[in-house]
Structure formats: C-alpha cells, structure tokens
C-alpha cells in the first residue's frame, strides 16, 4: 500500500437530494431595521460616527446570527456501495436503520414538537419550515428513537432517502388532505 489517499470520483458519495433552510427574508429586513433604529438612538446628540459604528456592530451581529440560522443543509447521499445516508449538522443516518418513516403535515407539526416529542429524539428543526419528516430507527446500538427533520418537501425527502417506505409514509398527509 502506497500511503496515497483514494480520492477518485468513484469513491465520493453522490448527492441525491439537498435542501438548504434559509431564514425568511422578513427576518433579515426586521433585524437590520432594529439595528438601524438602535444606531439612530445611539447617534442622537452625538457625532455621526457613533451611529455608523453602532450600526456596523449591531448590523454585523444580526447578519452573523441569521447567517448561522441559515447554514443548515439537509442532504441525502448515496455511497459507492449503494447505501443512502441522510446528513445534516455533522450527523449521519444510514437508510438501513430506518424502520418506518412519516411525512408530518403543517397541521400536525405542533403535536409532533409538543408533549409527544421524545427528549432523546434527534432534531433538525427550524420553526419557519412548516412540515417535517420523521424517521424511526431500528438500531439497538443507538439510543435515539427517531429523527425529526424540517423539510419544505418531506415527500421528496422520504422518496429519495427511503423510497420503499413512501406509500406508508405519506398516509398521514393524505388523511389530512381528505
């Protein structure tokens, strides 16, 4: 063995689905407006430089905060062996340990995130994303009972990650629409 790392494209996972959760535009507008109001208040009866410096500080804090909220990406990848993986926030979930999946419509989101939520569940949750996908695990080595993932299109996420479970997973959504 020569010590070279194998970095051929054949060994890289293929991205099958990707979804980025951006903070809503009105949050950016509101946050920067608040920073501007604070800067105007600080600058009142002072030199204009006080307002500029204050806006740079508070505006920068708003941009940093909202950019960090918008950094979450949910991705489904397929490795060279054919195994599909759900990845987000540095966590990886192989499709082989998912026993059941469920698309949770916006009407059932509050129940899923309320008293019924298991404290050991892994959450990829953003309040501004209206729907969720739930993946129940069957892994005796993992104490996490399920993953709850915010998704703008949970049907596409489930269809890509665990295609064999699509019909069963969408039953709650179809009942809510009926």
N, C-alpha and C. Protein backbone atom coordinates (compact mmCIF):
# COMPACT_ATOMS: atom_id res chain seq x y z
N UNK A 1 0.85 -1.17 0.00
CA UNK A 1 0.00 0.00 0.00
C UNK A 1 0.88 1.23 0.00
N UNK A 2 0.55 2.19 -0.81
CA UNK A 2 1.46 3.30 -1.02
C UNK A 2 1.20 4.51 -0.13
N UNK A 3 0.25 4.59 0.67
CA UNK A 3 0.01 5.75 1.52
C UNK A 3 -0.76 6.85 0.82
N UNK A 4 -1.09 6.67 -0.45
CA UNK A 4 -1.90 7.66 -1.14
C UNK A 4 -3.36 7.49 -0.75
N UNK A 5 -4.02 8.59 -0.60
CA UNK A 5 -5.46 8.53 -0.30
C UNK A 5 -6.22 8.35 -1.60
N UNK A 6 -7.22 7.52 -1.55
CA UNK A 6 -8.05 7.31 -2.72
C UNK A 6 -9.09 8.42 -2.78
N UNK A 7 -8.93 9.31 -3.72
CA UNK A 7 -9.86 10.43 -3.85
C UNK A 7 -10.48 10.45 -5.24
N UNK A 8 -10.67 9.29 -5.80
CA UNK A 8 -11.28 9.24 -7.12
C UNK A 8 -12.76 9.57 -6.99
N UNK A 9 -13.34 10.04 -8.08
CA UNK A 9 -14.75 10.38 -8.07
C UNK A 9 -15.64 9.16 -7.82
N UNK A 10 -15.13 7.98 -8.12
CA UNK A 10 -15.91 6.77 -7.91
C UNK A 10 -16.14 6.50 -6.42
N UNK A 11 -15.26 7.01 -5.55
CA UNK A 11 -15.39 6.78 -4.11
C UNK A 11 -16.17 7.89 -3.41
N UNK A 12 -16.50 8.95 -4.10
CA UNK A 12 -17.25 10.04 -3.49
C UNK A 12 -18.73 9.71 -3.49
N UNK A 13 -19.44 10.10 -2.43
CA UNK A 13 -20.88 9.87 -2.44
C UNK A 13 -21.59 10.77 -3.46
N UNK A 14 -22.67 10.27 -4.00
CA UNK A 14 -23.47 11.02 -4.95
C UNK A 14 -24.59 11.72 -4.19
N UNK A 15 -24.74 13.02 -4.38
CA UNK A 15 -25.81 13.77 -3.72
C UNK A 15 -27.10 13.55 -4.51
N UNK A 16 -28.11 12.97 -3.83
CA UNK A 16 -29.38 12.69 -4.48
C UNK A 16 -30.43 13.76 -4.18
N UNK A 17 -30.30 14.42 -3.03
CA UNK A 17 -31.28 15.43 -2.61
C UNK A 17 -30.56 16.41 -1.69
N UNK A 18 -30.87 17.67 -1.85
CA UNK A 18 -30.27 18.68 -0.98
C UNK A 18 -31.27 19.80 -0.76
N UNK A 19 -31.39 20.23 0.48
CA UNK A 19 -32.32 21.29 0.84
C UNK A 19 -31.65 22.20 1.87
N UNK A 20 -31.59 23.47 1.58
CA UNK A 20 -30.99 24.45 2.49
C UNK A 20 -32.11 25.26 3.13
N UNK A 21 -32.03 25.42 4.44
CA UNK A 21 -33.06 26.14 5.18
C UNK A 21 -32.60 27.57 5.46
N UNK A 22 -33.04 28.49 4.63
CA UNK A 22 -32.69 29.91 4.80
C UNK A 22 -33.71 30.57 5.73
N UNK A 23 -33.24 31.48 6.56
CA UNK A 23 -34.16 32.28 7.37
C UNK A 23 -35.01 33.14 6.44
N UNK A 24 -36.27 33.38 6.80
CA UNK A 24 -37.14 34.18 5.93
C UNK A 24 -36.59 35.58 5.69
N UNK A 25 -36.88 36.11 4.52
CA UNK A 25 -36.39 37.43 4.14
C UNK A 25 -36.84 38.50 5.12
N UNK A 26 -38.07 38.42 5.61
CA UNK A 26 -38.56 39.48 6.50
C UNK A 26 -37.79 39.50 7.82
N UNK A 27 -37.20 38.39 8.23
CA UNK A 27 -36.36 38.39 9.44
C UNK A 27 -35.12 39.26 9.21
N UNK A 28 -34.55 39.17 8.02
CA UNK A 28 -33.37 39.98 7.68
C UNK A 28 -33.74 41.47 7.69
N UNK A 29 -34.85 41.79 7.04
CA UNK A 29 -35.29 43.19 6.97
C UNK A 29 -35.56 43.72 8.37
N UNK A 30 -36.30 42.95 9.17
CA UNK A 30 -36.63 43.38 10.53
C UNK A 30 -35.37 43.53 11.38
N UNK A 31 -34.47 42.58 11.32
CA UNK A 31 -33.24 42.63 12.12
C UNK A 31 -32.38 43.83 11.78
N UNK A 32 -32.22 44.10 10.49
CA UNK A 32 -31.42 45.25 10.09
C UNK A 32 -32.12 46.57 10.41
N UNK A 33 -33.46 46.58 10.36
CA UNK A 33 -34.20 47.78 10.76
C UNK A 33 -34.02 48.06 12.25
N UNK A 34 -34.04 47.02 13.07
CA UNK A 34 -33.80 47.20 14.51
C UNK A 34 -32.38 47.71 14.74
N UNK A 35 -31.41 47.15 14.03
CA UNK A 35 -30.02 47.63 14.16
C UNK A 35 -29.91 49.10 13.76
N UNK A 36 -30.63 49.49 12.72
CA UNK A 36 -30.62 50.89 12.29
C UNK A 36 -31.27 51.80 13.34
N UNK A 37 -32.38 51.35 13.94
CA UNK A 37 -33.02 52.14 14.99
C UNK A 37 -32.12 52.30 16.21
N UNK A 38 -31.44 51.24 16.59
CA UNK A 38 -30.51 51.33 17.73
C UNK A 38 -29.38 52.30 17.40
N UNK A 39 -28.87 52.20 16.19
CA UNK A 39 -27.79 53.11 15.78
C UNK A 39 -28.26 54.56 15.77
N UNK A 40 -29.48 54.80 15.30
CA UNK A 40 -30.01 56.17 15.28
C UNK A 40 -30.19 56.69 16.70
N UNK A 41 -30.62 55.82 17.60
CA UNK A 41 -30.81 56.23 19.00
C UNK A 41 -29.46 56.55 19.66
N UNK A 42 -28.46 55.75 19.40
CA UNK A 42 -27.13 55.98 19.98
C UNK A 42 -26.52 57.25 19.39
N UNK A 43 -26.74 57.49 18.12
CA UNK A 43 -26.15 58.64 17.44
C UNK A 43 -26.83 59.95 17.83
N UNK A 44 -28.01 59.87 18.39
CA UNK A 44 -28.76 61.08 18.77
C UNK A 44 -27.92 61.95 19.71
N UNK A 45 -27.73 63.21 19.37
CA UNK A 45 -26.95 64.18 20.15
C UNK A 45 -25.47 63.83 20.23
N UNK A 46 -24.98 63.04 19.31
CA UNK A 46 -23.55 62.70 19.26
C UNK A 46 -23.05 62.91 17.83
N UNK A 47 -21.79 62.67 17.66
CA UNK A 47 -21.19 62.74 16.33
C UNK A 47 -21.75 61.61 15.46
N UNK A 48 -21.87 61.80 14.15
CA UNK A 48 -22.40 60.76 13.25
C UNK A 48 -21.61 59.45 13.29
N UNK A 49 -20.33 59.51 13.63
CA UNK A 49 -19.53 58.29 13.66
C UNK A 49 -20.08 57.29 14.69
N UNK A 50 -20.70 57.78 15.76
CA UNK A 50 -21.28 56.88 16.77
C UNK A 50 -22.39 56.02 16.15
N UNK A 51 -23.21 56.62 15.33
CA UNK A 51 -24.28 55.87 14.67
C UNK A 51 -23.75 54.85 13.69
N UNK A 52 -22.73 55.25 12.94
CA UNK A 52 -22.15 54.33 11.95
C UNK A 52 -21.52 53.13 12.65
N UNK A 53 -20.72 53.39 13.69
CA UNK A 53 -20.06 52.30 14.42
C UNK A 53 -21.10 51.39 15.06
N UNK A 54 -22.14 51.98 15.65
CA UNK A 54 -23.19 51.17 16.29
C UNK A 54 -23.91 50.31 15.26
N UNK A 55 -24.23 50.88 14.09
CA UNK A 55 -24.90 50.09 13.06
C UNK A 55 -24.01 48.96 12.56
N UNK A 56 -22.73 49.23 12.39
CA UNK A 56 -21.81 48.17 11.94
C UNK A 56 -21.78 47.04 12.96
N UNK A 57 -21.75 47.37 14.25
CA UNK A 57 -21.69 46.34 15.30
C UNK A 57 -23.00 45.56 15.36
N UNK A 58 -24.13 46.26 15.49
CA UNK A 58 -25.42 45.58 15.62
C UNK A 58 -25.85 44.93 14.31
N UNK A 59 -25.61 45.61 13.19
CA UNK A 59 -25.92 45.01 11.89
C UNK A 59 -25.10 43.76 11.64
N UNK A 60 -23.83 43.81 12.02
CA UNK A 60 -22.98 42.62 11.89
C UNK A 60 -23.46 41.48 12.76
N UNK A 61 -23.93 41.80 13.96
CA UNK A 61 -24.46 40.75 14.85
C UNK A 61 -25.72 40.13 14.26
N UNK A 62 -26.58 40.95 13.68
CA UNK A 62 -27.81 40.44 13.06
C UNK A 62 -27.46 39.54 11.87
N UNK A 63 -26.55 39.99 11.02
CA UNK A 63 -26.15 39.20 9.85
C UNK A 63 -25.51 37.88 10.30
N UNK A 64 -24.63 37.93 11.30
CA UNK A 64 -23.99 36.71 11.79
C UNK A 64 -25.04 35.73 12.34
N UNK A 65 -25.98 36.23 13.15
CA UNK A 65 -27.00 35.38 13.75
C UNK A 65 -27.88 34.73 12.68
N UNK A 66 -28.38 35.52 11.75
CA UNK A 66 -29.27 34.98 10.72
C UNK A 66 -28.53 34.08 9.73
N UNK A 67 -27.27 34.38 9.47
CA UNK A 67 -26.48 33.51 8.60
C UNK A 67 -26.24 32.16 9.27
N UNK A 68 -26.03 32.17 10.59
CA UNK A 68 -25.84 30.89 11.29
C UNK A 68 -27.14 30.09 11.31
N UNK A 69 -28.28 30.76 11.41
CA UNK A 69 -29.56 30.05 11.33
C UNK A 69 -29.79 29.47 9.94
N UNK A 70 -29.28 30.15 8.93
CA UNK A 70 -29.49 29.73 7.55
C UNK A 70 -28.45 28.74 7.05
N UNK A 71 -27.58 28.27 7.92
CA UNK A 71 -26.50 27.40 7.46
C UNK A 71 -26.87 25.92 7.41
N UNK A 72 -28.03 25.55 7.91
CA UNK A 72 -28.41 24.13 7.94
C UNK A 72 -28.75 23.61 6.55
N UNK A 73 -28.17 22.49 6.20
CA UNK A 73 -28.44 21.83 4.94
C UNK A 73 -28.79 20.37 5.22
N UNK A 74 -29.89 19.92 4.66
CA UNK A 74 -30.29 18.51 4.74
C UNK A 74 -29.93 17.89 3.40
N UNK A 75 -29.19 16.79 3.46
CA UNK A 75 -28.68 16.18 2.23
C UNK A 75 -28.87 14.67 2.29
N UNK A 76 -29.28 14.09 1.17
CA UNK A 76 -29.32 12.64 1.01
C UNK A 76 -28.22 12.28 0.02
N UNK A 77 -27.32 11.39 0.46
CA UNK A 77 -26.20 10.96 -0.37
C UNK A 77 -26.25 9.44 -0.53
N UNK A 78 -25.70 8.97 -1.62
CA UNK A 78 -25.57 7.54 -1.84
C UNK A 78 -24.09 7.23 -2.01
N UNK A 79 -23.58 6.33 -1.15
CA UNK A 79 -22.16 5.99 -1.24
C UNK A 79 -21.95 4.96 -2.35
N UNK A 80 -20.70 4.67 -2.68
CA UNK A 80 -20.43 3.73 -3.78
C UNK A 80 -21.02 2.33 -3.57
N UNK A 81 -21.25 1.94 -2.31
CA UNK A 81 -21.82 0.62 -2.06
C UNK A 81 -23.34 0.59 -2.25
N UNK A 82 -23.95 1.76 -2.47
CA UNK A 82 -25.39 1.82 -2.68
C UNK A 82 -26.18 2.24 -1.45
N UNK A 83 -25.53 2.38 -0.30
CA UNK A 83 -26.20 2.79 0.94
C UNK A 83 -26.55 4.28 0.85
N UNK A 84 -27.77 4.61 1.23
CA UNK A 84 -28.19 6.01 1.26
C UNK A 84 -28.03 6.56 2.66
N UNK A 85 -27.58 7.82 2.74
CA UNK A 85 -27.32 8.47 4.02
C UNK A 85 -28.03 9.81 4.06
N UNK A 86 -28.66 10.10 5.19
CA UNK A 86 -29.21 11.43 5.46
C UNK A 86 -28.19 12.16 6.32
N UNK A 87 -27.72 13.30 5.86
CA UNK A 87 -26.69 14.04 6.60
C UNK A 87 -27.16 15.46 6.86
N UNK A 88 -26.87 15.93 8.06
CA UNK A 88 -27.14 17.32 8.43
C UNK A 88 -26.48 17.60 9.77
N UNK A 89 -25.96 18.81 9.91
CA UNK A 89 -25.34 19.25 11.17
C UNK A 89 -24.25 18.29 11.64
N UNK A 90 -23.55 17.68 10.74
CA UNK A 90 -22.47 16.76 11.10
C UNK A 90 -22.95 15.38 11.52
N UNK A 91 -24.24 15.14 11.50
CA UNK A 91 -24.79 13.83 11.86
C UNK A 91 -25.15 13.06 10.59
N UNK A 92 -25.00 11.75 10.65
CA UNK A 92 -25.27 10.89 9.50
C UNK A 92 -26.22 9.78 9.91
N UNK A 93 -27.22 9.52 9.07
CA UNK A 93 -28.18 8.45 9.33
C UNK A 93 -28.23 7.54 8.11
N UNK A 94 -27.84 6.26 8.26
CA UNK A 94 -27.96 5.35 7.12
C UNK A 94 -29.41 4.88 6.95
N UNK A 95 -29.83 4.70 5.73
CA UNK A 95 -31.20 4.26 5.46
C UNK A 95 -31.46 2.86 5.98
N UNK A 96 -30.42 2.07 6.16
CA UNK A 96 -30.60 0.68 6.60
C UNK A 96 -31.12 0.57 8.03
N UNK A 97 -31.01 1.61 8.84
CA UNK A 97 -31.51 1.54 10.22
C UNK A 97 -32.88 2.19 10.38
N UNK A 98 -33.46 2.69 9.30
CA UNK A 98 -34.78 3.32 9.36
C UNK A 98 -35.84 2.25 9.16
N UNK A 99 -36.65 2.04 10.21
CA UNK A 99 -37.69 1.01 10.11
C UNK A 99 -38.99 1.57 9.56
N UNK A 100 -39.29 2.83 9.89
CA UNK A 100 -40.51 3.48 9.41
C UNK A 100 -40.21 4.95 9.17
N UNK A 101 -40.98 5.54 8.30
CA UNK A 101 -40.86 6.98 8.07
C UNK A 101 -42.25 7.57 7.93
N UNK A 102 -42.32 8.87 8.15
CA UNK A 102 -43.62 9.53 8.16
C UNK A 102 -43.46 10.98 7.75
N UNK A 103 -44.30 11.43 6.84
CA UNK A 103 -44.35 12.86 6.49
C UNK A 103 -45.36 13.51 7.42
N UNK A 104 -44.93 14.53 8.14
CA UNK A 104 -45.80 15.21 9.10
C UNK A 104 -46.22 16.54 8.49
N UNK A 105 -47.54 16.71 8.23
CA UNK A 105 -48.01 17.96 7.63
C UNK A 105 -47.96 19.11 8.64
N UNK A 106 -48.13 20.32 8.13
CA UNK A 106 -48.08 21.51 8.99
C UNK A 106 -49.14 21.45 10.09
N UNK A 107 -50.29 20.83 9.81
CA UNK A 107 -51.36 20.75 10.80
C UNK A 107 -51.00 19.87 11.99
N UNK A 108 -50.07 18.94 11.83
CA UNK A 108 -49.67 18.04 12.92
C UNK A 108 -48.31 18.40 13.51
N UNK A 109 -47.71 19.47 13.03
CA UNK A 109 -46.37 19.85 13.48
C UNK A 109 -46.34 20.17 14.97
N UNK A 110 -47.33 20.90 15.46
CA UNK A 110 -47.35 21.29 16.87
C UNK A 110 -47.44 20.06 17.78
N UNK A 111 -48.21 19.07 17.40
CA UNK A 111 -48.30 17.84 18.19
C UNK A 111 -46.98 17.09 18.19
N UNK A 112 -46.34 17.01 17.03
CA UNK A 112 -45.07 16.29 16.93
C UNK A 112 -43.97 16.96 17.74
N UNK A 113 -43.99 18.28 17.83
CA UNK A 113 -42.96 19.01 18.56
C UNK A 113 -43.37 19.32 20.00
N UNK A 114 -44.56 18.93 20.40
CA UNK A 114 -45.07 19.24 21.74
C UNK A 114 -44.82 18.12 22.73
N UNK A 115 -45.85 17.77 23.45
CA UNK A 115 -45.73 16.76 24.51
C UNK A 115 -45.37 15.38 24.00
N UNK A 116 -45.68 15.11 22.76
CA UNK A 116 -45.38 13.78 22.21
C UNK A 116 -43.90 13.61 21.85
N UNK A 117 -43.14 14.69 21.86
CA UNK A 117 -41.74 14.64 21.48
C UNK A 117 -40.92 13.86 22.50
N UNK A 118 -40.16 12.90 22.03
CA UNK A 118 -39.25 12.15 22.90
C UNK A 118 -37.99 12.99 23.09
N UNK A 119 -37.57 13.21 24.35
CA UNK A 119 -36.37 14.03 24.59
C UNK A 119 -35.10 13.45 23.96
N UNK A 120 -35.09 12.17 23.66
CA UNK A 120 -33.90 11.55 23.07
C UNK A 120 -33.89 11.64 21.54
N UNK A 121 -34.93 12.20 20.96
CA UNK A 121 -35.01 12.31 19.50
C UNK A 121 -33.97 13.29 18.98
N UNK A 122 -33.50 13.04 17.77
CA UNK A 122 -32.57 13.96 17.11
C UNK A 122 -33.39 14.92 16.25
N UNK A 123 -33.20 16.22 16.47
CA UNK A 123 -34.00 17.23 15.78
C UNK A 123 -33.15 18.05 14.82
N UNK A 124 -33.66 18.22 13.64
CA UNK A 124 -33.17 19.22 12.71
C UNK A 124 -34.40 20.08 12.45
N UNK A 125 -34.59 21.07 13.31
CA UNK A 125 -35.85 21.81 13.36
C UNK A 125 -35.63 23.30 13.13
N UNK A 126 -36.43 23.84 12.25
CA UNK A 126 -36.48 25.28 12.03
C UNK A 126 -37.95 25.69 12.01
N UNK A 127 -38.31 26.60 12.88
CA UNK A 127 -39.71 26.99 13.05
C UNK A 127 -40.35 27.56 11.80
N UNK A 128 -39.57 28.14 10.90
CA UNK A 128 -40.15 28.75 9.71
C UNK A 128 -40.40 27.74 8.60
N UNK A 129 -39.95 26.51 8.76
CA UNK A 129 -40.23 25.45 7.79
C UNK A 129 -41.46 24.70 8.31
N UNK A 130 -42.52 24.67 7.52
CA UNK A 130 -43.82 24.24 8.02
C UNK A 130 -44.00 22.73 8.20
N UNK A 131 -43.28 21.90 7.47
CA UNK A 131 -43.51 20.46 7.52
C UNK A 131 -42.28 19.72 8.03
N UNK A 132 -42.50 18.47 8.44
CA UNK A 132 -41.44 17.64 9.00
C UNK A 132 -41.45 16.26 8.33
N UNK A 133 -40.32 15.61 8.38
CA UNK A 133 -40.21 14.19 8.03
C UNK A 133 -39.69 13.48 9.27
N UNK A 134 -40.29 12.35 9.59
CA UNK A 134 -39.89 11.58 10.77
C UNK A 134 -39.33 10.24 10.31
N UNK A 135 -38.17 9.89 10.87
CA UNK A 135 -37.53 8.62 10.54
C UNK A 135 -37.33 7.85 11.83
N UNK A 136 -38.08 6.75 12.01
CA UNK A 136 -38.00 5.92 13.20
C UNK A 136 -36.87 4.91 13.01
N UNK A 137 -35.99 4.83 14.02
CA UNK A 137 -34.80 3.99 13.91
C UNK A 137 -35.02 2.63 14.54
N UNK A 138 -34.38 1.64 13.95
CA UNK A 138 -34.36 0.29 14.50
C UNK A 138 -32.89 -0.12 14.62
N UNK A 139 -32.22 0.51 15.59
CA UNK A 139 -30.79 0.28 15.80
C UNK A 139 -30.56 0.09 17.30
N UNK A 140 -30.28 -1.14 17.75
CA UNK A 140 -30.11 -1.38 19.19
C UNK A 140 -28.90 -0.65 19.78
N UNK A 141 -27.95 -0.24 18.95
CA UNK A 141 -26.76 0.45 19.46
C UNK A 141 -26.97 1.96 19.59
N UNK A 142 -28.09 2.47 19.11
CA UNK A 142 -28.35 3.91 19.13
C UNK A 142 -29.53 4.21 20.05
N UNK A 143 -29.33 5.05 21.08
CA UNK A 143 -30.43 5.38 21.98
C UNK A 143 -31.43 6.36 21.38
N UNK A 144 -31.15 6.89 20.20
CA UNK A 144 -32.06 7.84 19.56
C UNK A 144 -33.22 7.07 18.94
N UNK A 145 -34.46 7.36 19.37
CA UNK A 145 -35.60 6.60 18.84
C UNK A 145 -35.98 7.02 17.41
N UNK A 146 -35.83 8.30 17.10
CA UNK A 146 -36.20 8.77 15.77
C UNK A 146 -35.55 10.12 15.48
N UNK A 147 -35.54 10.47 14.21
CA UNK A 147 -35.09 11.78 13.75
C UNK A 147 -36.32 12.55 13.28
N UNK A 148 -36.42 13.81 13.65
CA UNK A 148 -37.43 14.73 13.12
C UNK A 148 -36.68 15.79 12.32
N UNK A 149 -37.00 15.89 11.04
CA UNK A 149 -36.26 16.76 10.14
C UNK A 149 -37.22 17.76 9.49
N UNK A 150 -36.96 19.06 9.68
CA UNK A 150 -37.74 20.08 8.98
C UNK A 150 -37.46 19.96 7.49
N UNK A 151 -38.52 20.04 6.70
CA UNK A 151 -38.35 19.92 5.25
C UNK A 151 -39.45 20.69 4.54
N UNK A 152 -39.07 21.43 3.52
CA UNK A 152 -40.06 22.13 2.71
C UNK A 152 -40.84 21.13 1.85
N UNK A 153 -40.24 19.99 1.57
CA UNK A 153 -40.88 18.95 0.76
C UNK A 153 -40.56 17.58 1.37
N UNK A 154 -41.27 17.21 2.46
CA UNK A 154 -40.96 15.92 3.11
C UNK A 154 -41.20 14.72 2.20
N UNK A 155 -42.14 14.84 1.27
CA UNK A 155 -42.39 13.73 0.35
C UNK A 155 -41.17 13.44 -0.51
N UNK A 156 -40.55 14.48 -1.04
CA UNK A 156 -39.35 14.29 -1.87
C UNK A 156 -38.19 13.77 -1.03
N UNK A 157 -38.07 14.25 0.20
CA UNK A 157 -37.00 13.78 1.09
C UNK A 157 -37.16 12.29 1.38
N UNK A 158 -38.37 11.87 1.73
CA UNK A 158 -38.63 10.45 2.03
C UNK A 158 -38.47 9.61 0.76
N UNK A 159 -38.99 10.11 -0.35
CA UNK A 159 -38.90 9.37 -1.62
C UNK A 159 -37.44 9.13 -2.02
N UNK A 160 -36.58 10.09 -1.72
CA UNK A 160 -35.17 9.96 -2.08
C UNK A 160 -34.40 9.11 -1.08
N UNK A 161 -34.68 9.30 0.22
CA UNK A 161 -33.91 8.62 1.26
C UNK A 161 -34.35 7.17 1.47
N UNK A 162 -35.64 6.93 1.61
CA UNK A 162 -36.16 5.57 1.82
C UNK A 162 -37.32 5.33 0.85
N UNK A 163 -37.02 5.12 -0.43
CA UNK A 163 -38.08 5.02 -1.44
C UNK A 163 -39.06 3.87 -1.20
N UNK A 164 -38.62 2.83 -0.53
CA UNK A 164 -39.51 1.69 -0.29
C UNK A 164 -40.59 1.99 0.76
N UNK A 165 -40.47 3.11 1.46
CA UNK A 165 -41.43 3.46 2.52
C UNK A 165 -42.35 4.62 2.14
N UNK A 166 -42.35 5.04 0.91
CA UNK A 166 -43.07 6.25 0.51
C UNK A 166 -44.57 6.13 0.74
N UNK A 167 -45.20 5.05 0.28
CA UNK A 167 -46.66 4.94 0.40
C UNK A 167 -47.12 4.97 1.85
N UNK A 168 -46.45 4.23 2.70
CA UNK A 168 -46.80 4.20 4.13
C UNK A 168 -46.50 5.54 4.78
N UNK A 169 -45.43 6.20 4.38
CA UNK A 169 -45.01 7.45 4.99
C UNK A 169 -45.96 8.60 4.69
N UNK A 170 -46.60 8.57 3.56
CA UNK A 170 -47.46 9.68 3.16
C UNK A 170 -48.92 9.49 3.56
N UNK A 171 -49.23 8.44 4.29
CA UNK A 171 -50.61 8.17 4.67
C UNK A 171 -51.20 9.29 5.52
N UNK A 172 -50.43 9.85 6.46
CA UNK A 172 -50.93 10.92 7.32
C UNK A 172 -51.20 12.19 6.52
N UNK A 173 -50.36 12.47 5.55
CA UNK A 173 -50.56 13.66 4.71
C UNK A 173 -51.83 13.50 3.88
N UNK A 174 -52.05 12.32 3.34
CA UNK A 174 -53.25 12.08 2.53
C UNK A 174 -54.50 12.16 3.39
N UNK A 175 -54.44 11.67 4.64
CA UNK A 175 -55.59 11.78 5.54
C UNK A 175 -55.88 13.23 5.88
N UNK A 176 -54.84 14.04 6.05
CA UNK A 176 -55.03 15.46 6.38
C UNK A 176 -55.64 16.21 5.21
N UNK A 177 -55.31 15.80 3.99
CA UNK A 177 -55.85 16.47 2.81
C UNK A 177 -57.29 16.06 2.55
N UNK A 178 -57.70 14.89 3.01
CA UNK A 178 -59.06 14.39 2.74
C UNK A 178 -60.10 15.05 3.61
